[in-house]
Structures are given as C-alpha cells and as structure tokens.
Amino acid sequence: MLSIIFEKYRKFISNNLYVYKSCKQYIIILKKLYNTITNENRKGIINADYAKYRGNRFEVILIFNKFNPDEMLNEILTEYQNKKVVYTTGKIVTPDYYDCDMNNICSNGIHYYKTIEQAYYHDIEAHAINYTGVIKEWFHNGKKIKEINLKEGHRHGLAKYWYDVGGRSLEINYSNGMRHGTYKEWYRDGMLACQSEYKNNLLDGSSTCFYMNGKKESQYTYEKGKRVGVGREWHVNGNVKIEGIYVNDVRIGVWTEWYENGNKKYIGTYVDNLKNGLWTFYHDDETPSAEGIYRFDVPIGKWSYWTKNGIQYDYIME
C-alpha cells in the first residue's frame, strides 16, 4: 500500500514545502506557508526524515485513507491535550497557541512529519484491521524504535526493537500473534541481557540471563511456562549463588545457596515448595550459624544457633 501512496502522491513527496500528519487511519498533507514557524532546527535530531516536528500554521491540502488512498475526506477533527483542531482542505489550520521553545517536542502546535512514510506507519497497528505487512515506528528524534511484521492483523515473524540512542534492545519471534521461538534482550552497551525460547506464547526451553559484564546471572529450563529440572543463579563475580530442582515450577529436593565469596550460605530440602527436614545455615566464613528441622515451612523442635566466634545457643520451637 505504501508504494501505491508514493506513486499517487509523488508530486508532494518531491517538494519540501509539503509535510504530513497522521490522524487515525488518515494522512493529512499540509503545506508550509511563507510565515510558518517550525522547530525543525531543534537539538537532538538523529534522522531528520523521521523525527517529529511542530509548526504554527499550514494550509490543508489533502486528507486521504492510509488503507484506501482513493478515499478522501474534506474535513477531519483531531484532539490533543483536551484541545480540538479541525483540518479542512483548502483552509489554513493553526493551533490556539504555539510554543516557541523549539526544543519542546510534544507541546502546543501542529504536529507533523517530513516524510509520508512516517505518517503512514504512525499508530498503524491500532487501526490496521487484518493488515499484512511490516509496521515501523520511530522515536521523536527520528531513530527507529521498532519494526514488526503482521499477518492478517497478528504479529507474525521477527519483531525488532531499538534504544532511542544506541543499538538493538529486543528481538521477539511471533507466530499468529503469540511468542514462538527465540526471544533476546540487550543492554544499551550491546551486551546480551537475556535469551529465552517460547512456544505458543509460553516459555519453553532454555532461558538464560546475563549481567552487564557478560557473566551468567540465571539459567532455567521451562516446559509450557513452568520451570523444570535444575535451576541456577550466579553472583556478578561468576560464583554460583543458588542451585536446586524444579518440578512444574515447584521447588523440590536439596537446595543450596552460596555467598558471593563462594562459601555456602545454606543447604536444605524442599517438598512442594515448602522447607521440610534438616536445614543448615552458615556465616560468610562457612562456619555454622543455625541448624534445625522444618515441617512444611515451620521450624520445629530443637534449633541451634552459633555466633561467628562459635558460641552456641539452643532453642526449642513450639
């Protein structure tokens, strides 16, 4: 559809006097006047063709449907910050007030884009019923924020996201609107933050997250959205932090946690996600700090406690 729009309205596209505004499923072609004031020279613009701008007065040239370029409107109403602006073809449109501080992006004025492509993609996912094709979105500074494929109105295929300044932030694979396949997140510096596998919108397979230094932070295996098998977490220095077994997202069996220095912090047994049986806790030098029995998460019987210098205190839990 965009190629049809390019061909149909190329006489406007080739002239820098014309700019474009999106309003729901419609595009408004505006013409700058000799006395039009804009903020096109503001700071922080990365890609001028896709940045967002404001102006104080324009002539309304055309209003047409993004999805049916032959459908025209004579007039359309827009609302912004509880203020209404009517766009009528052949008429001059002005805001009730124009903010002259050019570095204020989302402020009073007539908002527009320099390219018809940016106006076409603006908010397209919300209005494109049964749309098949790519959708794109840009930050106000003109840098691309996302690129998503749709099939009959549903996300399908690879969706990509970027930071406002820097590289990629997220990649998600979809199948008929559901997450399906590899999911990846990145830190702003480009280091991988997380990689997981999805099936039918549920985590299914390996899921690994990383610290900013590149070392592993956690690793779990999922089946239909629930953790199974051995789960591990690490301290930022690379030493193991915690390790144990999941069955259907429930902790079972022996679980152990370690301090950042590598010394053991505790060891104990879970039954159906509840502490059960003998549990032993340690100071950071791995000398015992406490030991006793849990029954379904409740401490019972005799519990012994030790200070770091080895003094023992015993208590009977009621």
C-alpha atoms as a PDB file:
ATOM      1  CA  MET A   1       0.000   0.000   0.000  1.00  0.00           C
ATOM      2  CA  LEU A   2       2.823   2.413   0.788  1.00  0.00           C
ATOM      3  CA  SER A   3       4.212   2.036  -2.742  1.00  0.00           C
ATOM      4  CA  ILE A   4       0.789   2.983  -4.140  1.00  0.00           C
ATOM      5  CA  ILE A   5       0.740   6.066  -1.906  1.00  0.00           C
ATOM      6  CA  PHE A   6       4.251   7.018  -3.056  1.00  0.00           C
ATOM      7  CA  GLU A   7       3.195   6.802  -6.693  1.00  0.00           C
ATOM      8  CA  LYS A   8      -0.125   8.585  -6.230  1.00  0.00           C
ATOM      9  CA  TYR A   9       1.263  11.498  -4.221  1.00  0.00           C
ATOM     10  CA  ARG A  10       4.837  11.746  -5.523  1.00  0.00           C
ATOM     11  CA  LYS A  11       4.362  15.380  -6.620  1.00  0.00           C
ATOM     12  CA  PHE A  12       4.022  16.303  -2.949  1.00  0.00           C
ATOM     13  CA  ILE A  13       6.768  13.947  -1.751  1.00  0.00           C
ATOM     14  CA  SER A  14       9.351  15.584  -4.012  1.00  0.00           C
ATOM     15  CA  ASN A  15       8.587  19.081  -2.647  1.00  0.00           C
ATOM     16  CA  ASN A  16       9.927  20.052   0.792  1.00  0.00           C
ATOM     17  CA  LEU A  17       7.087  22.530   1.323  1.00  0.00           C
ATOM     18  CA  TYR A  18       4.739  19.616   1.973  1.00  0.00           C
ATOM     19  CA  VAL A  19       4.661  17.756   5.285  1.00  0.00           C
ATOM     20  CA  TYR A  20       2.435  15.022   6.679  1.00  0.00           C
ATOM     21  CA  LYS A  21       0.278  14.363   9.710  1.00  0.00           C
ATOM     22  CA  SER A  22      -1.360  11.109  10.817  1.00  0.00           C
ATOM     23  CA  CYS A  23      -4.869  11.082  12.244  1.00  0.00           C
ATOM     24  CA  LYS A  24      -6.213   7.598  13.000  1.00  0.00           C
ATOM     25  CA  GLN A  25      -6.349   5.805   9.621  1.00  0.00           C
ATOM     26  CA  TYR A  26      -5.929   9.029   7.643  1.00  0.00           C
ATOM     27  CA  ILE A  27      -2.969  11.069   6.409  1.00  0.00           C
ATOM     28  CA  ILE A  28      -3.234  14.847   6.178  1.00  0.00           C
ATOM     29  CA  ILE A  29      -0.984  16.569   3.640  1.00  0.00           C
ATOM     30  CA  LEU A  30      -0.040  20.047   4.852  1.00  0.00           C
ATOM     31  CA  LYS A  31       1.770  22.871   3.065  1.00  0.00           C
ATOM     32  CA  LYS A  32       4.143  25.249   4.813  1.00  0.00           C
ATOM     33  CA  LEU A  33       3.375  28.932   4.269  1.00  0.00           C
ATOM     34  CA  TYR A  34       5.810  31.841   3.891  1.00  0.00           C
ATOM     35  CA  ASN A  35       5.255  32.724   7.565  1.00  0.00           C
ATOM     36  CA  THR A  36       5.150  29.188   9.007  1.00  0.00           C
ATOM     37  CA  ILE A  37       7.305  28.783  12.121  1.00  0.00           C
ATOM     38  CA  THR A  38       8.611  25.285  12.958  1.00  0.00           C
ATOM     39  CA  ASN A  39      11.028  23.606  15.354  1.00  0.00           C
ATOM     40  CA  GLU A  40      12.878  21.703  12.616  1.00  0.00           C
ATOM     41  CA  ASN A  41      16.200  23.178  13.812  1.00  0.00           C
ATOM     42  CA  ARG A  42      15.868  21.902  17.361  1.00  0.00           C
ATOM     43  CA  LYS A  43      18.615  19.939  19.124  1.00  0.00           C
ATOM     44  CA  GLY A  44      18.900  16.166  19.402  1.00  0.00           C
ATOM     45  CA  ILE A  45      17.643  15.118  15.974  1.00  0.00           C
ATOM     46  CA  ILE A  46      19.282  11.907  14.734  1.00  0.00           C
ATOM     47  CA  ASN A  47      17.370  11.331  11.482  1.00  0.00           C
ATOM     48  CA  ALA A  48      15.596  14.435  10.195  1.00  0.00           C
ATOM     49  CA  ASP A  49      13.380  12.490   7.770  1.00  0.00           C
ATOM     50  CA  TYR A  50      11.711  10.545  10.580  1.00  0.00           C
ATOM     51  CA  ALA A  51      11.760  12.979  13.505  1.00  0.00           C
ATOM     52  CA  LYS A  52       8.627  14.616  14.891  1.00  0.00           C
ATOM     53  CA  TYR A  53       8.082  18.378  14.483  1.00  0.00           C
ATOM     54  CA  ARG A  54       5.685  21.199  15.338  1.00  0.00           C
ATOM     55  CA  GLY A  55       4.565  24.232  13.360  1.00  0.00           C
ATOM     56  CA  ASN A  56       2.287  27.229  13.856  1.00  0.00           C
ATOM     57  CA  ARG A  57       0.310  27.416  10.581  1.00  0.00           C
ATOM     58  CA  PHE A  58      -0.231  25.330   7.457  1.00  0.00           C
ATOM     59  CA  GLU A  59      -2.562  25.018   4.507  1.00  0.00           C
ATOM     60  CA  VAL A  60      -4.512  21.744   4.461  1.00  0.00           C
ATOM     61  CA  ILE A  61      -4.020  20.214   1.002  1.00  0.00           C
ATOM     62  CA  LEU A  62      -5.460  16.672   1.159  1.00  0.00           C
ATOM     63  CA  ILE A  63      -6.887  14.147   3.620  1.00  0.00           C
ATOM     64  CA  PHE A  64      -6.838  10.506   2.477  1.00  0.00           C
ATOM     65  CA  ASN A  65      -7.209   6.998   3.915  1.00  0.00           C
ATOM     66  CA  LYS A  66      -3.923   5.141   4.539  1.00  0.00           C
ATOM     67  CA  PHE A  67      -5.500   1.832   3.553  1.00  0.00           C
ATOM     68  CA  ASN A  68      -7.508   3.161   0.607  1.00  0.00           C
ATOM     69  CA  PRO A  69      -5.690   6.173  -0.878  1.00  0.00           C
ATOM     70  CA  ASP A  70      -8.605   6.927  -3.210  1.00  0.00           C
ATOM     71  CA  GLU A  71     -10.874   7.641  -0.228  1.00  0.00           C
ATOM     72  CA  MET A  72     -10.761  11.363   0.545  1.00  0.00           C
ATOM     73  CA  LEU A  73     -12.172  13.476   3.347  1.00  0.00           C
ATOM     74  CA  ASN A  74     -12.927  17.169   3.204  1.00  0.00           C
ATOM     75  CA  GLU A  75     -12.557  17.628   6.946  1.00  0.00           C
ATOM     76  CA  ILE A  76     -11.249  15.778   9.995  1.00  0.00           C
ATOM     77  CA  LEU A  77     -11.123  16.532  13.722  1.00  0.00           C
ATOM     78  CA  THR A  78      -8.110  15.810  15.928  1.00  0.00           C
ATOM     79  CA  GLU A  79      -7.745  16.087  19.689  1.00  0.00           C
ATOM     80  CA  TYR A  80      -4.563  16.720  21.681  1.00  0.00           C
ATOM     81  CA  GLN A  81      -4.338  17.517  25.411  1.00  0.00           C
ATOM     82  CA  ASN A  82      -8.118  18.101  25.529  1.00  0.00           C
ATOM     83  CA  LYS A  83      -7.871  20.574  22.654  1.00  0.00           C
ATOM     84  CA  LYS A  84      -9.627  20.094  19.327  1.00  0.00           C
ATOM     85  CA  VAL A  85      -8.272  21.115  15.942  1.00  0.00           C
ATOM     86  CA  VAL A  86     -10.305  20.890  12.728  1.00  0.00           C
ATOM     87  CA  TYR A  87      -8.443  20.268   9.452  1.00  0.00           C
ATOM     88  CA  THR A  88     -10.400  21.354   6.355  1.00  0.00           C
ATOM     89  CA  THR A  89      -8.986  21.001   2.842  1.00  0.00           C
ATOM     90  CA  GLY A  90      -8.136  24.344   1.283  1.00  0.00           C
ATOM     91  CA  LYS A  91      -8.167  26.112   4.658  1.00  0.00           C
ATOM     92  CA  ILE A  92      -5.397  27.405   6.930  1.00  0.00           C
ATOM     93  CA  VAL A  93      -5.026  25.492  10.185  1.00  0.00           C
ATOM     94  CA  THR A  94      -3.449  26.998  13.306  1.00  0.00           C
ATOM     95  CA  PRO A  95      -3.254  25.910  16.955  1.00  0.00           C
ATOM     96  CA  ASP A  96      -4.840  28.092  19.623  1.00  0.00           C
ATOM     97  CA  TYR A  97      -1.313  28.603  20.970  1.00  0.00           C
ATOM     98  CA  TYR A  98       2.146  27.806  19.597  1.00  0.00           C
ATOM     99  CA  ASP A  99       5.037  27.042  21.965  1.00  0.00           C
ATOM    100  CA  CYS A 100       8.032  28.975  20.598  1.00  0.00           C
ATOM    101  CA  ASP A 101      10.568  26.905  22.549  1.00  0.00           C
ATOM    102  CA  MET A 102      11.726  24.773  19.627  1.00  0.00           C
ATOM    103  CA  ASN A 103      13.290  22.093  21.863  1.00  0.00           C
ATOM    104  CA  ASN A 104       9.901  21.197  23.368  1.00  0.00           C
ATOM    105  CA  ILE A 105       8.797  18.334  21.142  1.00  0.00           C
ATOM    106  CA  CYS A 106       5.384  17.284  22.466  1.00  0.00           C
ATOM    107  CA  SER A 107       3.958  20.723  23.103  1.00  0.00           C
ATOM    108  CA  ASN A 108       1.477  23.161  21.584  1.00  0.00           C
ATOM    109  CA  GLY A 109       1.467  23.372  17.813  1.00  0.00           C
ATOM    110  CA  ILE A 110       0.516  21.423  14.707  1.00  0.00           C
ATOM    111  CA  HIS A 111       2.495  18.167  14.870  1.00  0.00           C
ATOM    112  CA  TYR A 112       3.805  16.689  11.640  1.00  0.00           C
ATOM    113  CA  TYR A 113       6.462  14.582   9.905  1.00  0.00           C
ATOM    114  CA  LYS A 114       8.659  15.368   6.916  1.00  0.00           C
ATOM    115  CA  THR A 115       8.007  12.019   5.211  1.00  0.00           C
ATOM    116  CA  ILE A 116       4.762  10.400   4.188  1.00  0.00           C
ATOM    117  CA  GLU A 117       6.230   7.044   5.260  1.00  0.00           C
ATOM    118  CA  GLN A 118       6.453   8.178   8.893  1.00  0.00           C
ATOM    119  CA  ALA A 119       2.836   9.418   8.799  1.00  0.00           C
ATOM    120  CA  TYR A 120       1.707   6.151   7.199  1.00  0.00           C
ATOM    121  CA  TYR A 121       3.229   3.953   9.899  1.00  0.00           C
ATOM    122  CA  HIS A 122       2.210   6.187  12.811  1.00  0.00           C
ATOM    123  CA  ASP A 123      -0.190   4.222  15.056  1.00  0.00           C
ATOM    124  CA  ILE A 124      -0.900   1.837  12.170  1.00  0.00           C
ATOM    125  CA  GLU A 125      -1.122  -1.289  14.339  1.00  0.00           C
ATOM    126  CA  ALA A 126      -4.076   0.172  16.252  1.00  0.00           C
ATOM    127  CA  HIS A 127      -6.084   0.851  13.085  1.00  0.00           C
ATOM    128  CA  ALA A 128      -4.906  -1.804  10.613  1.00  0.00           C
ATOM    129  CA  ILE A 129      -7.599  -4.489  10.751  1.00  0.00           C
ATOM    130  CA  ASN A 130      -6.379  -7.723   9.091  1.00  0.00           C
ATOM    131  CA  TYR A 131      -3.268  -5.870   7.898  1.00  0.00           C
ATOM    132  CA  THR A 132      -0.447  -7.978   6.436  1.00  0.00           C
ATOM    133  CA  GLY A 133       2.988  -6.442   6.108  1.00  0.00           C
ATOM    134  CA  VAL A 134       5.589  -4.574   8.103  1.00  0.00           C
ATOM    135  CA  ILE A 135       4.926  -1.781  10.603  1.00  0.00           C
ATOM    136  CA  LYS A 136       7.560   0.671  11.776  1.00  0.00           C
ATOM    137  CA  GLU A 137       7.858   3.288  14.480  1.00  0.00           C
ATOM    138  CA  TRP A 138      10.422   5.981  15.219  1.00  0.00           C
ATOM    139  CA  PHE A 139      11.390   7.950  18.312  1.00  0.00           C
ATOM    140  CA  HIS A 140      10.765  11.707  18.259  1.00  0.00           C
ATOM    141  CA  ASN A 141      14.458  12.171  17.397  1.00  0.00           C
ATOM    142  CA  GLY A 142      13.979  10.178  14.187  1.00  0.00           C
ATOM    143  CA  LYS A 143      15.713   6.990  15.286  1.00  0.00           C
ATOM    144  CA  LYS A 144      13.811   3.786  14.594  1.00  0.00           C
ATOM    145  CA  ILE A 145      12.254   2.226  17.713  1.00  0.00           C
ATOM    146  CA  LYS A 146      10.625  -0.900  16.257  1.00  0.00           C
ATOM    147  CA  GLU A 147       9.903  -2.940  13.160  1.00  0.00           C
ATOM    148  CA  ILE A 148       7.211  -5.619  13.379  1.00  0.00           C
ATOM    149  CA  ASN A 149       5.690  -7.998  10.836  1.00  0.00           C
ATOM    150  CA  LEU A 150       1.933  -8.571  10.829  1.00  0.00           C
ATOM    151  CA  LYS A 151      -0.106 -11.319   9.202  1.00  0.00           C
ATOM    152  CA  GLU A 152      -3.843 -10.636   8.963  1.00  0.00           C
ATOM    153  CA  GLY A 153      -3.592  -8.230  11.896  1.00  0.00           C
ATOM    154  CA  HIS A 154      -1.497 -10.514  14.121  1.00  0.00           C
ATOM    155  CA  ARG A 155       2.201 -10.286  14.879  1.00  0.00           C
ATOM    156  CA  HIS A 156       3.973 -12.934  12.840  1.00  0.00           C
ATOM    157  CA  GLY A 157       7.695 -13.396  12.334  1.00  0.00           C
ATOM    158  CA  LEU A 158      10.547 -11.396  13.814  1.00  0.00           C
ATOM    159  CA  ALA A 159       9.849  -8.167  15.740  1.00  0.00           C
ATOM    160  CA  LYS A 160      12.814  -5.851  16.347  1.00  0.00           C
ATOM    161  CA  TYR A 161      13.193  -3.007  18.846  1.00  0.00           C
ATOM    162  CA  TRP A 162      15.947  -0.411  19.310  1.00  0.00           C
ATOM    163  CA  TYR A 163      17.049   2.026  22.004  1.00  0.00           C
ATOM    164  CA  ASP A 164      16.487   5.750  21.389  1.00  0.00           C
ATOM    165  CA  VAL A 165      20.270   6.205  21.307  1.00  0.00           C
ATOM    166  CA  GLY A 166      22.332   3.128  20.567  1.00  0.00           C
ATOM    167  CA  GLY A 167      21.689  -0.329  19.178  1.00  0.00           C
ATOM    168  CA  ARG A 168      19.057  -3.041  19.403  1.00  0.00           C
ATOM    169  CA  SER A 169      17.131  -3.594  22.626  1.00  0.00           C
ATOM    170  CA  LEU A 170      14.837  -6.542  21.899  1.00  0.00           C
ATOM    171  CA  GLU A 171      14.024  -9.225  19.327  1.00  0.00           C
ATOM    172  CA  ILE A 172      10.920 -11.416  19.583  1.00  0.00           C
ATOM    173  CA  ASN A 173       9.701 -14.139  17.240  1.00  0.00           C
ATOM    174  CA  TYR A 174       5.926 -14.434  16.798  1.00  0.00           C
ATOM    175  CA  SER A 175       3.571 -16.934  15.215  1.00  0.00           C
ATOM    176  CA  ASN A 176      -0.028 -15.801  14.659  1.00  0.00           C
ATOM    177  CA  GLY A 177       0.143 -13.254  17.474  1.00  0.00           C
ATOM    178  CA  MET A 178       1.909 -15.481  20.009  1.00  0.00           C
ATOM    179  CA  ARG A 179       5.539 -15.503  21.061  1.00  0.00           C
ATOM    180  CA  HIS A 180       7.080 -18.528  19.394  1.00  0.00           C
ATOM    181  CA  GLY A 181      10.805 -19.051  19.006  1.00  0.00           C
ATOM    182  CA  THR A 182      13.827 -17.152  20.273  1.00  0.00           C
ATOM    183  CA  TYR A 183      13.489 -14.046  22.462  1.00  0.00           C
ATOM    184  CA  LYS A 184      16.519 -11.789  23.071  1.00  0.00           C
ATOM    185  CA  GLU A 185      17.175  -8.656  25.137  1.00  0.00           C
ATOM    186  CA  TRP A 186      20.268  -6.436  25.074  1.00  0.00           C
ATOM    187  CA  TYR A 187      21.716  -3.826  27.388  1.00  0.00           C
ATOM    188  CA  ARG A 188      22.316  -0.340  25.978  1.00  0.00           C
ATOM    189  CA  ASP A 189      26.014  -1.107  25.533  1.00  0.00           C
ATOM    190  CA  GLY A 190      25.172  -4.011  23.211  1.00  0.00           C
ATOM    191  CA  MET A 191      25.814  -6.841  25.674  1.00  0.00           C
ATOM    192  CA  LEU A 192      23.242  -9.655  25.633  1.00  0.00           C
ATOM    193  CA  ALA A 193      20.966  -9.414  28.699  1.00  0.00           C
ATOM    194  CA  CYS A 194      18.657 -12.396  28.224  1.00  0.00           C
ATOM    195  CA  GLN A 195      17.870 -15.167  25.742  1.00  0.00           C
ATOM    196  CA  SER A 196      14.838 -17.437  26.050  1.00  0.00           C
ATOM    197  CA  GLU A 197      12.749 -19.821  23.978  1.00  0.00           C
ATOM    198  CA  TYR A 198       8.965 -19.576  23.606  1.00  0.00           C
ATOM    199  CA  LYS A 199       6.335 -21.941  22.296  1.00  0.00           C
ATOM    200  CA  ASN A 200       2.698 -20.891  21.888  1.00  0.00           C
ATOM    201  CA  ASN A 201       3.246 -17.747  23.999  1.00  0.00           C
ATOM    202  CA  LEU A 202       4.790 -19.683  26.916  1.00  0.00           C
ATOM    203  CA  LEU A 203       8.412 -20.045  27.947  1.00  0.00           C
ATOM    204  CA  ASP A 204       9.535 -23.447  26.696  1.00  0.00           C
ATOM    205  CA  GLY A 205      13.178 -24.476  26.678  1.00  0.00           C
ATOM    206  CA  SER A 206      16.279 -22.752  27.980  1.00  0.00           C
ATOM    207  CA  SER A 207      16.164 -19.237  29.471  1.00  0.00           C
ATOM    208  CA  THR A 208      19.465 -17.558  30.330  1.00  0.00           C
ATOM    209  CA  CYS A 209      20.087 -14.034  31.638  1.00  0.00           C
ATOM    210  CA  PHE A 210      23.415 -12.226  31.893  1.00  0.00           C
ATOM    211  CA  TYR A 211      24.972  -9.437  33.916  1.00  0.00           C
ATOM    212  CA  MET A 212      26.323  -6.381  32.106  1.00  0.00           C
ATOM    213  CA  ASN A 213      29.832  -7.831  32.440  1.00  0.00           C
ATOM    214  CA  GLY A 214      28.778 -10.801  30.284  1.00  0.00           C
ATOM    215  CA  LYS A 215      28.720 -13.363  33.091  1.00  0.00           C
ATOM    216  CA  LYS A 216      25.617 -15.515  33.625  1.00  0.00           C
ATOM    217  CA  GLU A 217      23.018 -14.275  36.106  1.00  0.00           C
ATOM    218  CA  SER A 218      20.487 -17.118  35.884  1.00  0.00           C
ATOM    219  CA  GLN A 219      19.655 -20.220  33.854  1.00  0.00           C
ATOM    220  CA  TYR A 220      16.387 -22.146  33.908  1.00  0.00           C
ATOM    221  CA  THR A 221      14.616 -24.680  31.727  1.00  0.00           C
ATOM    222  CA  TYR A 222      10.894 -24.279  31.036  1.00  0.00           C
ATOM    223  CA  GLU A 223       8.145 -26.588  29.845  1.00  0.00           C
ATOM    224  CA  LYS A 224       4.865 -24.891  28.913  1.00  0.00           C
ATOM    225  CA  GLY A 225       5.687 -21.846  31.021  1.00  0.00           C
ATOM    226  CA  LYS A 226       6.853 -23.708  34.124  1.00  0.00           C
ATOM    227  CA  ARG A 227      10.396 -24.214  35.397  1.00  0.00           C
ATOM    228  CA  VAL A 228      11.637 -27.801  35.375  1.00  0.00           C
ATOM    229  CA  GLY A 229      14.920 -29.503  36.193  1.00  0.00           C
ATOM    230  CA  VAL A 230      17.981 -27.825  37.655  1.00  0.00           C
ATOM    231  CA  GLY A 231      17.805 -24.048  38.114  1.00  0.00           C
ATOM    232  CA  ARG A 232      20.877 -21.935  38.821  1.00  0.00           C
ATOM    233  CA  GLU A 233      21.724 -18.328  39.604  1.00  0.00           C
ATOM    234  CA  TRP A 234      25.160 -16.714  39.791  1.00  0.00           C
ATOM    235  CA  HIS A 235      26.718 -13.754  41.570  1.00  0.00           C
ATOM    236  CA  VAL A 236      28.088 -10.949  39.417  1.00  0.00           C
ATOM    237  CA  ASN A 237      31.633 -12.248  40.003  1.00  0.00           C
ATOM    238  CA  GLY A 238      30.736 -15.588  38.379  1.00  0.00           C
ATOM    239  CA  ASN A 239      30.415 -17.688  41.540  1.00  0.00           C
ATOM    240  CA  VAL A 240      27.272 -19.819  41.843  1.00  0.00           C
ATOM    241  CA  LYS A 241      24.611 -18.147  44.006  1.00  0.00           C
ATOM    242  CA  ILE A 242      21.825 -20.720  44.253  1.00  0.00           C
ATOM    243  CA  GLU A 243      21.041 -24.151  42.806  1.00  0.00           C
ATOM    244  CA  GLY A 244      18.142 -26.566  43.061  1.00  0.00           C
ATOM    245  CA  ILE A 245      15.488 -28.567  41.233  1.00  0.00           C
ATOM    246  CA  TYR A 246      12.050 -27.566  39.947  1.00  0.00           C
ATOM    247  CA  VAL A 247       9.130 -29.799  39.031  1.00  0.00           C
ATOM    248  CA  ASN A 248       6.258 -27.869  37.393  1.00  0.00           C
ATOM    249  CA  ASP A 249       7.614 -24.580  38.816  1.00  0.00           C
ATOM    250  CA  VAL A 250       7.719 -26.058  42.345  1.00  0.00           C
ATOM    251  CA  ARG A 251      10.975 -26.362  44.306  1.00  0.00           C
ATOM    252  CA  ILE A 252      11.754 -29.902  45.433  1.00  0.00           C
ATOM    253  CA  GLY A 253      14.748 -31.758  46.856  1.00  0.00           C
ATOM    254  CA  VAL A 254      18.013 -30.267  48.051  1.00  0.00           C
ATOM    255  CA  TRP A 255      18.603 -26.532  47.505  1.00  0.00           C
ATOM    256  CA  THR A 256      21.865 -24.757  48.218  1.00  0.00           C
ATOM    257  CA  GLU A 257      22.816 -21.086  48.293  1.00  0.00           C
ATOM    258  CA  TRP A 258      26.327 -19.597  48.419  1.00  0.00           C
ATOM    259  CA  TYR A 259      27.776 -16.233  49.387  1.00  0.00           C
ATOM    260  CA  GLU A 260      29.500 -14.122  46.760  1.00  0.00           C
ATOM    261  CA  ASN A 261      32.868 -15.278  48.137  1.00  0.00           C
ATOM    262  CA  GLY A 262      31.964 -18.887  47.245  1.00  0.00           C
ATOM    263  CA  ASN A 263      31.230 -20.080  50.785  1.00  0.00           C
ATOM    264  CA  LYS A 264      27.991 -21.912  51.498  1.00  0.00           C
ATOM    265  CA  LYS A 265      25.077 -19.853  52.881  1.00  0.00           C
ATOM    266  CA  TYR A 266      22.543 -22.626  53.495  1.00  0.00           C
ATOM    267  CA  ILE A 267      21.565 -26.138  52.445  1.00  0.00           C
ATOM    268  CA  GLY A 268      18.142 -27.691  52.922  1.00  0.00           C
ATOM    269  CA  THR A 269      15.312 -29.661  51.369  1.00  0.00           C
ATOM    270  CA  TYR A 270      12.037 -28.535  49.812  1.00  0.00           C
ATOM    271  CA  VAL A 271       8.849 -30.566  49.463  1.00  0.00           C
ATOM    272  CA  ASP A 272       6.208 -28.944  47.242  1.00  0.00           C
ATOM    273  CA  ASN A 273       7.868 -25.519  47.570  1.00  0.00           C
ATOM    274  CA  LEU A 274       7.961 -25.734  51.399  1.00  0.00           C
ATOM    275  CA  LYS A 275      11.049 -26.158  53.574  1.00  0.00           C
ATOM    276  CA  ASN A 276      10.974 -29.665  55.024  1.00  0.00           C
ATOM    277  CA  GLY A 277      13.551 -31.617  57.003  1.00  0.00           C
ATOM    278  CA  LEU A 278      17.015 -30.569  58.186  1.00  0.00           C
ATOM    279  CA  TRP A 279      18.260 -27.090  57.222  1.00  0.00           C
ATOM    280  CA  THR A 280      21.721 -25.742  57.958  1.00  0.00           C
ATOM    281  CA  PHE A 281      22.724 -22.080  57.651  1.00  0.00           C
ATOM    282  CA  TYR A 282      26.250 -20.637  57.598  1.00  0.00           C
ATOM    283  CA  HIS A 283      28.119 -17.397  58.251  1.00  0.00           C
ATOM    284  CA  ASP A 284      30.048 -15.968  55.309  1.00  0.00           C
ATOM    285  CA  ASP A 285      33.175 -17.800  56.523  1.00  0.00           C
ATOM    286  CA  GLU A 286      31.153 -21.063  56.225  1.00  0.00           C
ATOM    287  CA  THR A 287      31.036 -21.701  59.975  1.00  0.00           C
ATOM    288  CA  PRO A 288      27.535 -22.800  61.103  1.00  0.00           C
ATOM    289  CA  SER A 289      25.081 -20.056  62.078  1.00  0.00           C
ATOM    290  CA  ALA A 290      21.878 -22.088  62.581  1.00  0.00           C
ATOM    291  CA  GLU A 291      20.544 -25.616  62.207  1.00  0.00           C
ATOM    292  CA  GLY A 292      17.188 -27.249  62.769  1.00  0.00           C
ATOM    293  CA  ILE A 293      14.149 -29.005  61.349  1.00  0.00           C
ATOM    294  CA  TYR A 294      11.346 -27.532  59.229  1.00  0.00           C
ATOM    295  CA  ARG A 295       7.981 -29.149  58.787  1.00  0.00           C
ATOM    296  CA  PHE A 296       6.048 -27.596  55.904  1.00  0.00           C
ATOM    297  CA  ASP A 297       7.917 -24.271  56.218  1.00  0.00           C
ATOM    298  CA  VAL A 298       7.528 -24.103  60.029  1.00  0.00           C
ATOM    299  CA  PRO A 299      10.613 -24.542  62.293  1.00  0.00           C
ATOM    300  CA  ILE A 300      10.007 -27.264  64.909  1.00  0.00           C
ATOM    301  CA  GLY A 301      11.888 -28.947  67.755  1.00  0.00           C
ATOM    302  CA  LYS A 302      15.407 -28.037  68.811  1.00  0.00           C
ATOM    303  CA  TRP A 303      17.224 -25.307  66.850  1.00  0.00           C
ATOM    304  CA  SER A 304      20.871 -24.442  67.429  1.00  0.00           C
ATOM    305  CA  TYR A 305      22.419 -21.050  66.703  1.00  0.00           C
ATOM    306  CA  TRP A 306      26.092 -20.043  66.634  1.00  0.00           C
ATOM    307  CA  THR A 307      27.814 -16.692  66.745  1.00  0.00           C
ATOM    308  CA  LYS A 308      30.775 -16.094  64.449  1.00  0.00           C
ATOM    309  CA  ASN A 309      33.156 -16.894  67.322  1.00  0.00           C
ATOM    310  CA  GLY A 310      31.464 -20.256  67.906  1.00  0.00           C
ATOM    311  CA  ILE A 311      29.213 -19.584  70.908  1.00  0.00           C
ATOM    312  CA  GLN A 312      26.163 -21.875  70.694  1.00  0.00           C
ATOM    313  CA  TYR A 313      22.576 -21.109  71.729  1.00  0.00           C
ATOM    314  CA  ASP A 314      19.802 -23.727  71.637  1.00  0.00           C
ATOM    315  CA  TYR A 315      16.073 -23.062  71.415  1.00  0.00           C
ATOM    316  CA  ILE A 316      13.024 -25.324  71.387  1.00  0.00           C
ATOM    317  CA  MET A 317      10.481 -24.269  68.784  1.00  0.00           C
ATOM    318  CA  GLU A 318       6.907 -24.675  69.901  1.00  0.00           C
END
